[in-house]
Amino acid sequence: MRDEGQSGRRVRQRSALITGVACAAVAVSGIGGAWASETGNQTPSAAKLVTRNVHPLRTSIGSLIIFGEVVNRGTTPAADVGVGVGLLNDRGERLARGATLKTSVNILRPGKTAVWVAQMSDNPKRWKRMQFQVVEQIGAEAARKQDYPAFKVRGTRLAPENPGFSQKVTGTVVNTGKKAAKVGAVTVALYEGARLVYATNLGFLYPYSTTQIVAPGKSAPFKASILGYTKKPGKIVTYVRASTKGANGFYLP
């Protein structure tokens, strides 16, 4: 489930990846900066999952985060999508690597976009190329069975949190379906026009039960911290990743 909005008015946001049926490994030129060109396996028959709008963010504690979008350009849904990132020098040597096992949705349907955030292992000052691997993982079947897209987001707003250092996106998620469901994460993406300028997967129900489970017809407040980005974006997009209980008695992470 995804919700969009305009700021200043009504604001609407296993250590290794397992190679699956949808895989794109690519390299992008860049020297310690941001880029917005779309990247992915350009072979038409294989161009199912592609990354785009990718940018680096250096945190105040000296770490490096890479965030971006992944688009399903295929004709079938992709589930349990993970993204691997590598930073390479001009000799092809890897300077840093990172991965995320979850994007902002459990199932990425044809033509749709999700956002992702990857924490890098190192923080090199410069690099020559970026390499991506976008895959469906071994949890794809469970994700298809347990995905719960019935949450709606209401009353979203942007406000200061720690002035000069961070702000927060808050609002309410509403379970409009007929089952109890667990909110795995609330992912917030900030945009200036079409350019993604910030993404965080640190959103969660707050204050609420530690189970993060919302009954049908009920609502719960959420909060997502925006660390190190204090500008007011043009648009905020909010995703809720949620699941029902599986046959094994567990919800999706």
Protein backbone atom coordinates (compact mmCIF):
# COMPACT_ATOMS: atom_id res chain seq x y z
CA MET A 1 0.00 0.00 0.00
CA ARG A 2 1.34 3.43 -0.95
CA ASP A 3 0.14 6.92 -0.12
CA GLU A 4 1.26 10.20 -1.71
CA GLY A 5 0.92 13.84 -0.71
CA GLN A 6 2.21 17.40 -0.97
CA SER A 7 4.21 18.98 1.87
CA GLY A 8 3.09 22.37 3.20
CA ARG A 9 -0.49 21.37 2.57
CA ARG A 10 -1.68 17.79 3.08
CA VAL A 11 1.30 15.49 3.25
CA ARG A 12 0.52 11.97 1.93
CA GLN A 13 5.04 8.00 2.74
CA ARG A 14 20.04 -13.39 5.72
CA SER A 15 23.39 -11.60 4.92
CA ALA A 16 23.41 -12.74 1.27
CA LEU A 17 20.76 -12.24 -1.35
CA ILE A 18 19.39 -15.40 -2.91
CA THR A 19 19.41 -15.23 -6.70
CA GLY A 20 15.87 -15.85 -7.98
CA VAL A 21 13.94 -15.80 -11.20
CA ALA A 22 14.19 -12.02 -11.58
CA CYS A 23 17.81 -10.92 -11.49
CA ALA A 24 19.56 -7.81 -12.84
CA ALA A 25 23.27 -7.22 -12.19
CA VAL A 26 24.48 -3.90 -13.57
CA ALA A 27 27.14 -1.23 -13.22
CA VAL A 28 26.70 2.54 -13.24
CA SER A 29 29.39 5.18 -13.58
CA GLY A 30 29.67 7.70 -10.76
CA ILE A 31 32.35 9.32 -8.64
CA GLY A 32 31.16 9.80 -5.10
CA GLY A 33 28.02 11.53 -6.22
CA ALA A 34 24.35 11.05 -7.01
CA TRP A 35 22.80 9.91 -10.25
CA ALA A 36 19.24 9.64 -11.46
CA SER A 37 19.52 7.56 -14.63
CA GLU A 38 17.64 4.28 -14.77
CA THR A 39 19.82 1.20 -14.46
CA GLY A 40 19.18 -2.47 -14.90
CA ASN A 41 19.70 -5.45 -17.14
CA GLN A 42 18.95 -3.96 -20.52
CA THR A 43 18.30 -7.30 -22.26
CA PRO A 44 14.58 -6.99 -23.15
CA SER A 45 13.74 -10.57 -22.17
CA ALA A 46 15.38 -10.14 -18.75
CA ALA A 47 14.47 -6.53 -17.95
CA LYS A 48 11.99 -7.33 -15.22
CA LEU A 49 13.36 -5.58 -12.15
CA VAL A 50 15.43 -2.43 -12.66
CA THR A 51 16.86 0.13 -10.26
CA ARG A 52 16.61 3.86 -10.82
CA ASN A 53 16.76 7.21 -8.99
CA VAL A 54 19.69 5.92 -6.89
CA HIS A 55 21.57 8.22 -4.51
CA PRO A 56 24.14 7.98 -1.69
CA LEU A 57 23.78 9.53 1.75
CA ARG A 58 26.65 10.02 4.19
CA THR A 59 25.39 9.95 7.76
CA SER A 60 26.57 12.08 10.67
CA ILE A 61 28.21 9.02 12.28
CA GLY A 62 30.45 8.30 9.31
CA SER A 63 28.51 5.57 7.51
CA LEU A 64 27.23 5.40 3.94
CA ILE A 65 23.68 4.56 2.88
CA ILE A 66 22.50 3.98 -0.67
CA PHE A 67 18.81 4.40 -1.46
CA GLY A 68 16.71 4.30 -4.60
CA GLU A 69 13.74 2.89 -6.45
CA VAL A 70 13.15 -0.50 -8.05
CA VAL A 71 10.61 -0.84 -10.87
CA ASN A 72 8.95 -3.99 -12.18
CA ARG A 73 9.06 -3.72 -15.95
CA GLY A 74 7.89 -7.28 -16.45
CA THR A 75 4.43 -8.73 -16.90
CA THR A 76 4.20 -10.75 -13.67
CA PRO A 77 4.43 -9.69 -10.01
CA ALA A 78 7.74 -10.02 -8.15
CA ALA A 79 7.69 -10.96 -4.46
CA ASP A 80 10.18 -10.72 -1.57
CA VAL A 81 12.52 -8.53 -3.63
CA GLY A 82 16.01 -7.80 -2.31
CA VAL A 83 18.67 -5.40 -3.60
CA GLY A 84 22.45 -5.81 -3.42
CA VAL A 85 24.82 -2.88 -4.05
CA GLY A 86 28.55 -2.80 -4.71
CA LEU A 87 30.87 0.21 -5.09
CA LEU A 88 33.82 -0.40 -7.43
CA ASN A 89 36.98 1.52 -8.30
CA ASP A 90 38.32 2.00 -11.83
CA ARG A 91 40.06 -1.41 -11.67
CA GLY A 92 36.83 -3.19 -10.84
CA GLU A 93 37.84 -3.78 -7.22
CA ARG A 94 35.02 -3.63 -4.71
CA LEU A 95 35.34 -0.80 -2.19
CA ALA A 96 32.09 -1.38 -0.30
CA ARG A 97 29.01 -3.54 -0.45
CA GLY A 98 25.57 -3.52 1.06
CA ALA A 99 22.20 -5.21 0.76
CA THR A 100 18.60 -4.89 1.80
CA LEU A 101 16.38 -7.93 2.14
CA LYS A 102 13.19 -5.86 2.01
CA THR A 103 11.86 -3.10 -0.20
CA SER A 104 8.85 -0.98 0.72
CA VAL A 105 6.38 -3.64 -0.50
CA ASN A 106 6.01 -7.42 -0.19
CA ILE A 107 4.86 -7.76 -3.80
CA LEU A 108 6.01 -5.49 -6.63
CA ARG A 109 3.39 -5.63 -9.36
CA PRO A 110 4.02 -4.92 -13.06
CA GLY A 111 4.59 -1.25 -13.74
CA LYS A 112 4.83 -0.38 -10.05
CA THR A 113 7.67 1.19 -8.07
CA ALA A 114 9.07 0.45 -4.60
CA VAL A 115 11.87 2.14 -2.67
CA TRP A 116 14.79 0.55 -0.84
CA VAL A 117 17.62 1.51 1.52
CA ALA A 118 20.94 -0.33 1.85
CA GLN A 119 23.56 0.20 4.57
CA MET A 120 27.05 -0.06 3.06
CA SER A 121 29.91 -1.99 4.69
CA ASP A 122 32.41 0.87 4.20
CA ASN A 123 32.36 4.57 3.40
CA PRO A 124 34.83 5.28 0.58
CA LYS A 125 35.29 8.91 -0.39
CA ARG A 126 35.16 8.13 -4.11
CA TRP A 127 34.19 5.30 -6.42
CA LYS A 128 34.02 4.77 -10.15
CA ARG A 129 31.10 2.42 -10.64
CA MET A 130 28.06 1.08 -8.84
CA GLN A 131 26.86 -2.49 -9.25
CA PHE A 132 23.37 -3.78 -8.46
CA GLN A 133 21.73 -7.14 -8.07
CA VAL A 134 17.93 -7.14 -7.80
CA VAL A 135 16.31 -10.50 -7.07
CA GLU A 136 13.29 -12.37 -5.87
CA GLN A 137 14.34 -14.30 -2.75
CA ILE A 138 13.41 -17.60 -1.17
CA GLY A 139 10.54 -16.00 0.76
CA ALA A 140 8.64 -15.12 -2.43
CA GLU A 141 5.99 -17.81 -1.99
CA ALA A 142 5.23 -16.78 1.58
CA ALA A 143 5.11 -13.12 0.54
CA ARG A 144 2.53 -13.90 -2.14
CA LYS A 145 0.34 -15.80 0.32
CA GLN A 146 0.59 -13.40 3.26
CA ASP A 147 0.79 -9.94 1.66
CA TYR A 148 -1.89 -7.63 3.07
CA PRO A 149 -2.38 -4.44 1.00
CA ALA A 150 -5.54 -3.22 2.77
CA PHE A 151 -3.92 -0.49 4.91
CA LYS A 152 -4.67 3.15 4.14
CA VAL A 153 -2.65 6.12 5.39
CA ARG A 154 -4.37 9.22 6.74
CA GLY A 155 -3.43 12.53 8.32
CA THR A 156 0.22 12.39 7.34
CA ARG A 157 2.35 15.40 8.24
CA LEU A 158 5.96 16.49 8.41
CA ALA A 159 7.27 18.12 11.60
CA PRO A 160 10.61 18.88 13.32
CA GLU A 161 11.99 16.16 15.60
CA ASN A 162 15.47 17.30 16.61
CA PRO A 163 15.79 20.80 15.13
CA GLY A 164 18.76 21.11 12.80
CA PHE A 165 19.35 17.34 12.77
CA SER A 166 16.15 15.45 12.00
CA GLN A 167 12.44 15.68 11.37
CA LYS A 168 9.64 13.15 11.40
CA VAL A 169 6.72 12.00 9.31
CA THR A 170 3.69 10.99 11.36
CA GLY A 171 0.17 9.88 10.60
CA THR A 172 -2.29 7.05 11.01
CA VAL A 173 -2.57 3.66 9.30
CA VAL A 174 -6.05 2.18 8.99
CA ASN A 175 -6.78 -1.51 8.46
CA THR A 176 -9.61 -1.39 5.92
CA GLY A 177 -9.60 -5.16 5.36
CA LYS A 178 -11.22 -8.07 7.17
CA LYS A 179 -8.19 -9.66 8.85
CA ALA A 180 -5.76 -8.76 11.60
CA ALA A 181 -2.39 -7.88 10.07
CA LYS A 182 1.11 -7.03 11.23
CA VAL A 183 2.79 -3.86 9.97
CA GLY A 184 6.33 -4.88 9.11
CA ALA A 185 7.48 -1.36 8.24
CA VAL A 186 6.32 2.08 7.21
CA THR A 187 8.66 3.35 4.49
CA VAL A 188 8.84 7.05 3.67
CA ALA A 189 10.28 8.52 0.47
CA LEU A 190 10.86 12.25 -0.10
CA TYR A 191 10.83 13.75 -3.59
CA GLU A 192 11.67 17.00 -5.33
CA GLY A 193 9.78 16.65 -8.57
CA ALA A 194 10.66 13.20 -9.92
CA ARG A 195 13.96 13.11 -8.03
CA LEU A 196 14.11 10.94 -4.92
CA VAL A 197 16.01 12.93 -2.29
CA TYR A 198 15.62 10.75 0.81
CA ALA A 199 14.25 7.37 1.84
CA THR A 200 13.92 5.69 5.24
CA ASN A 201 12.71 2.21 6.17
CA LEU A 202 12.77 3.05 9.89
CA GLY A 203 9.07 3.84 10.16
CA PHE A 204 6.90 1.83 12.55
CA LEU A 205 3.70 2.01 14.59
CA TYR A 206 4.30 4.39 17.48
CA PRO A 207 3.03 4.48 20.12
CA TYR A 208 1.34 1.08 19.79
CA SER A 209 1.54 -2.56 20.81
CA THR A 210 4.98 -4.07 20.34
CA THR A 211 3.37 -6.76 18.18
CA GLN A 212 2.63 -4.12 15.52
CA ILE A 213 -0.63 -5.97 14.77
CA VAL A 214 -3.75 -3.99 13.83
CA ALA A 215 -7.22 -5.55 13.98
CA PRO A 216 -9.65 -5.17 11.06
CA GLY A 217 -11.35 -1.79 11.05
CA LYS A 218 -8.89 -0.37 13.58
CA SER A 219 -6.22 2.30 13.21
CA ALA A 220 -2.82 3.02 14.74
CA PRO A 221 -0.40 5.97 14.69
CA PHE A 222 3.00 5.70 12.99
CA LYS A 223 6.24 7.63 13.00
CA ALA A 224 9.19 7.63 10.60
CA SER A 225 12.34 9.57 11.49
CA ILE A 226 14.06 11.57 8.75
CA LEU A 227 17.69 11.71 9.91
CA GLY A 228 20.06 14.31 8.53
CA TYR A 229 17.61 15.77 6.01
CA THR A 230 15.89 18.91 7.29
CA LYS A 231 14.51 20.46 4.09
CA LYS A 232 10.84 20.49 3.19
CA PRO A 233 10.35 18.20 0.18
CA GLY A 234 7.92 18.74 -2.65
CA LYS A 235 6.23 15.39 -2.11
CA ILE A 236 6.18 12.60 0.45
CA VAL A 237 5.24 9.04 -0.49
CA THR A 238 4.39 6.63 2.33
CA TYR A 239 4.30 2.83 2.00
CA VAL A 240 2.90 0.33 4.51
CA ARG A 241 4.32 -3.20 4.25
CA ALA A 242 2.01 -5.60 6.11
CA SER A 243 1.14 -9.30 6.28
CA THR A 244 -1.36 -11.78 7.66
CA LYS A 245 -0.38 -14.76 9.82
CA GLY A 246 1.00 -17.69 7.84
CA ALA A 247 0.24 -21.40 8.19
CA ASN A 248 3.35 -21.65 10.39
CA GLY A 249 1.86 -19.14 12.84
CA PHE A 250 4.25 -16.32 11.94
CA TYR A 251 3.88 -12.97 10.17
CA LEU A 252 6.31 -11.69 7.56
CA PRO A 253 9.15 -9.50 8.90
